[in-house]
Amino acid sequence: MSGVCANHACNVPALAGADDYDKQVPLSRAIPLWGGVSQDGFAAVLWHLDSKKTNKEDWSQVVRDGKLTAALRALNPKKRRGPWTVLCDNEGFLRAKTSMAAYSPRSITLWSVPPKSPDLNPVDMFWGWLRKKLRSMDLEDLRKKRRLLDKTAYVARVKGVLKSAKAQTVAKNVAGRFRKSCKQVVDRNWAAADN
C-alpha cells in the first residue's frame, strides 16, 4: 500500500523534472491517492483531494470505515476476511498509534518495505507507470492545444486510467514480479535485486 500524487505534469512539458515537488504539482492538479496492487490488479483506498498529504487521523478513519479492508478484498477476491498482511512503505502515519489501533480489530498487520528498496515495492512501480501514462496524456492535450483540465475533469481522467484493462494488467504484472524480486534479494544475501 502506498500513495502517489497522480500528476507530475501540468501545462508545460518541462515541468516534471528538477523543481521541488510543490513547484511541480500545484494543489489544483494534485491528486493524492493511496492504493495497492496484487496479482489480481489495482485497488484504490483513499482519494485525498483536499491536500497533498495524508495524516494519521485521516488514515485511521479510512481503516475504521472499512476502506482498507474493501481494497484488500478487491485485491484478493478469494479471501473475504483477515488476517491480512499489508506490504507498505515507511510513511509515519501508517504506524501511528491511532492507525495501529484501527488495524488490530480488522486483523491487519504491516510488513515494511526496507528503505531505499524500490525493487521491493511493487506499488511504486505501478505509480511510475501511472505518472508516465498521465504525463503522456497531458502532453497530448498540450500538443493539441486543448484547455487544461480542471481538478474534477482530471480526477475523472485518473479514475478512468485506473479502471482500464491496461492499468489492471500493469498492476498484476508488477505484483507478479515481486516474488521474483524477493527471491533474488534472498539469493544475493539481501543485496538489491536486478529488474
Protein backbone atom coordinates (compact mmCIF):
# COMPACT_ATOMS: atom_id res chain seq x y z
CA MET A 1 0.00 0.00 0.00
CA SER A 2 1.44 3.30 -0.92
CA GLY A 3 0.42 6.71 -2.06
CA VAL A 4 1.21 8.79 -5.08
CA CYS A 5 0.39 12.21 -6.35
CA ALA A 6 -1.04 11.17 -9.68
CA ASN A 7 0.01 14.16 -11.75
CA HIS A 8 3.56 15.34 -12.30
CA ALA A 9 2.90 17.31 -15.49
CA CYS A 10 0.95 20.49 -15.53
CA ASN A 11 0.68 22.67 -18.59
CA VAL A 12 4.30 22.80 -19.74
CA PRO A 13 6.42 19.86 -20.91
CA ALA A 14 9.49 20.81 -18.86
CA LEU A 15 7.63 20.99 -15.54
CA ALA A 16 8.17 17.43 -14.37
CA GLY A 17 11.83 17.31 -13.56
CA ALA A 18 14.26 19.18 -11.38
CA ASP A 19 11.94 21.54 -9.50
CA ASP A 20 10.76 20.93 -5.96
CA TYR A 21 7.60 18.87 -5.59
CA ASP A 22 5.48 21.86 -4.57
CA LYS A 23 6.54 23.73 -7.71
CA GLN A 24 5.91 20.73 -9.95
CA VAL A 25 2.37 19.96 -8.85
CA PRO A 26 0.10 22.79 -7.79
CA LEU A 27 -2.67 21.78 -5.41
CA SER A 28 -5.23 22.38 -8.15
CA ARG A 29 -3.65 19.48 -10.10
CA ALA A 30 -2.52 17.24 -7.23
CA ILE A 31 -4.49 14.07 -6.68
CA PRO A 32 -3.02 12.27 -3.68
CA LEU A 33 -4.08 8.67 -3.90
CA TRP A 34 -3.39 5.67 -1.71
CA GLY A 35 -3.88 2.22 -3.14
CA GLY A 36 -2.34 -1.15 -3.65
CA VAL A 37 -1.55 -3.83 -6.19
CA SER A 38 -1.77 -7.59 -6.18
CA GLN A 39 -1.78 -10.35 -8.77
CA ASP A 40 -5.50 -9.52 -9.13
CA GLY A 41 -4.90 -5.86 -10.12
CA PHE A 42 -5.10 -2.42 -8.51
CA ALA A 43 -7.49 -1.09 -5.86
CA ALA A 44 -7.73 2.45 -4.52
CA VAL A 45 -8.03 3.01 -0.78
CA LEU A 46 -8.07 6.79 -0.37
CA TRP A 47 -8.52 9.71 -2.72
CA HIS A 48 -7.29 12.64 -0.65
CA LEU A 49 -8.34 15.59 -2.78
CA ASP A 50 -8.14 18.48 -0.30
CA SER A 51 -4.41 18.41 0.39
CA LYS A 52 -1.21 16.74 -0.75
CA LYS A 53 -0.59 14.78 2.44
CA THR A 54 -2.45 12.15 4.39
CA ASN A 55 -2.20 12.25 8.18
CA LYS A 56 -2.73 9.71 10.94
CA GLU A 57 -6.28 10.91 11.69
CA ASP A 58 -7.37 10.62 8.06
CA TRP A 59 -5.73 7.23 7.63
CA SER A 60 -7.12 5.82 10.88
CA GLN A 61 -10.61 6.88 9.78
CA VAL A 62 -10.13 5.20 6.40
CA VAL A 63 -9.20 1.97 8.17
CA ARG A 64 -12.11 2.23 10.65
CA ASP A 65 -14.53 2.95 7.78
CA GLY A 66 -13.52 -0.33 6.12
CA LYS A 67 -11.97 1.22 3.01
CA LEU A 68 -8.65 -0.56 3.50
CA THR A 69 -10.39 -3.88 4.10
CA ALA A 70 -12.55 -3.34 0.99
CA ALA A 71 -9.41 -2.74 -1.09
CA LEU A 72 -7.78 -5.84 0.38
CA ARG A 73 -10.81 -7.91 -0.61
CA ALA A 74 -10.71 -6.45 -4.12
CA LEU A 75 -7.03 -7.32 -4.37
CA ASN A 76 -7.60 -10.88 -3.17
CA PRO A 77 -11.18 -11.83 -4.08
CA LYS A 78 -10.87 -15.37 -2.71
CA LYS A 79 -10.07 -14.10 0.78
CA ARG A 80 -13.09 -12.41 2.35
CA ARG A 81 -11.66 -11.80 5.85
CA GLY A 82 -8.31 -11.41 7.64
CA PRO A 83 -5.80 -11.91 8.86
CA TRP A 84 -4.29 -9.57 6.30
CA THR A 85 -0.62 -8.68 5.89
CA VAL A 86 -0.08 -5.41 4.05
CA LEU A 87 3.25 -4.56 2.45
CA CYS A 88 3.65 -0.83 2.89
CA ASP A 89 6.15 1.96 2.62
CA ASN A 90 7.58 3.80 5.58
CA GLU A 91 5.14 6.70 5.97
CA GLY A 92 4.91 7.55 9.67
CA PHE A 93 1.12 7.81 9.77
CA LEU A 94 0.80 4.15 8.75
CA ARG A 95 2.35 3.15 12.10
CA ALA A 96 0.90 5.89 14.28
CA LYS A 97 -0.77 4.73 17.46
CA THR A 98 -4.25 5.56 16.12
CA SER A 99 -3.57 3.63 12.90
CA MET A 100 -2.23 0.60 14.75
CA ALA A 101 -5.35 0.61 16.96
CA ALA A 102 -7.54 0.69 13.84
CA TYR A 103 -5.72 -2.29 12.24
CA SER A 104 -5.98 -4.60 15.24
CA PRO A 105 -9.73 -5.41 15.23
CA ARG A 106 -9.55 -5.95 11.47
CA SER A 107 -6.65 -8.43 11.77
CA ILE A 108 -4.35 -6.25 9.68
CA THR A 109 -0.59 -6.31 10.21
CA LEU A 110 2.01 -4.31 8.33
CA TRP A 111 5.07 -5.59 6.56
CA SER A 112 7.53 -2.81 5.78
CA VAL A 113 9.49 -2.29 2.62
CA PRO A 114 13.13 -1.69 3.52
CA PRO A 115 14.10 1.97 2.98
CA LYS A 116 15.54 2.75 -0.46
CA SER A 117 14.34 -0.56 -1.93
CA PRO A 118 12.20 0.32 -4.96
CA ASP A 119 12.62 -3.20 -6.32
CA LEU A 120 10.74 -4.45 -3.24
CA ASN A 121 7.82 -2.03 -3.53
CA PRO A 122 5.56 -3.15 -6.38
CA VAL A 123 3.07 -0.33 -5.95
CA ASP A 124 5.84 2.23 -6.57
CA MET A 125 6.46 0.56 -9.93
CA PHE A 126 2.75 0.90 -10.66
CA TRP A 127 2.81 4.60 -9.65
CA GLY A 128 5.70 5.12 -12.05
CA TRP A 129 3.65 3.66 -14.89
CA LEU A 130 0.62 5.79 -13.90
CA ARG A 131 2.66 9.01 -13.82
CA LYS A 132 4.11 8.25 -17.24
CA LYS A 133 0.67 7.48 -18.68
CA LEU A 134 -0.89 10.67 -17.26
CA ARG A 135 2.05 12.75 -18.40
CA SER A 136 1.72 11.45 -21.95
CA MET A 137 -1.99 12.34 -21.88
CA ASP A 138 -1.17 15.84 -20.60
CA LEU A 139 1.44 16.33 -23.30
CA GLU A 140 -1.04 15.19 -25.94
CA ASP A 141 -3.50 17.79 -24.63
CA LEU A 142 -0.75 20.41 -24.85
CA ARG A 143 0.18 19.41 -28.41
CA LYS A 144 -3.45 19.59 -29.49
CA LYS A 145 -3.86 22.93 -27.66
CA ARG A 146 -6.69 21.58 -25.51
CA ARG A 147 -7.64 23.51 -22.41
CA LEU A 148 -6.01 22.38 -19.18
CA LEU A 149 -8.34 20.03 -17.33
CA ASP A 150 -9.80 21.35 -14.09
CA LYS A 151 -9.50 19.23 -10.97
CA THR A 152 -12.85 17.48 -11.43
CA ALA A 153 -12.05 16.51 -15.01
CA TYR A 154 -8.53 15.46 -14.03
CA VAL A 155 -9.81 13.21 -11.24
CA ALA A 156 -12.16 11.63 -13.78
CA ARG A 157 -9.20 11.08 -16.12
CA VAL A 158 -7.14 9.42 -13.39
CA LYS A 159 -10.06 7.20 -12.35
CA GLY A 160 -10.61 6.24 -15.98
CA VAL A 161 -6.98 5.25 -16.42
CA LEU A 162 -7.01 3.24 -13.18
CA LYS A 163 -10.14 1.33 -14.25
CA SER A 164 -8.67 0.48 -17.64
CA ALA A 165 -7.72 -3.06 -18.55
CA LYS A 166 -4.17 -1.83 -19.21
CA ALA A 167 -3.81 -0.42 -15.67
CA GLN A 168 -5.09 -3.65 -14.16
CA THR A 169 -2.64 -5.66 -16.29
CA VAL A 170 0.27 -3.44 -15.26
CA ALA A 171 -0.71 -3.84 -11.59
CA LYS A 172 -0.89 -7.62 -11.94
CA ASN A 173 2.49 -7.72 -13.66
CA VAL A 174 4.35 -5.59 -11.11
CA ALA A 175 2.82 -7.60 -8.26
CA GLY A 176 3.77 -10.81 -10.03
CA ARG A 177 7.39 -9.69 -10.27
CA PHE A 178 7.52 -9.06 -6.51
CA ARG A 179 8.01 -12.73 -5.60
CA LYS A 180 10.87 -12.98 -8.11
CA SER A 181 12.49 -9.81 -6.71
CA CYS A 182 12.29 -11.15 -3.14
CA LYS A 183 13.88 -14.42 -4.21
CA GLN A 184 16.71 -12.53 -5.96
CA VAL A 185 17.36 -10.48 -2.83
CA VAL A 186 17.48 -13.58 -0.62
CA ASP A 187 19.71 -15.43 -3.13
CA ARG A 188 22.11 -12.48 -3.09
CA ASN A 189 22.27 -12.39 0.69
CA TRP A 190 19.93 -9.40 0.90
CA ALA A 191 21.61 -7.32 -1.81
CA ALA A 192 19.40 -5.35 -4.19
CA ALA A 193 17.64 -7.27 -6.93
CA ASP A 194 18.09 -6.58 -10.63
CA ASN A 195 14.97 -5.53 -12.50
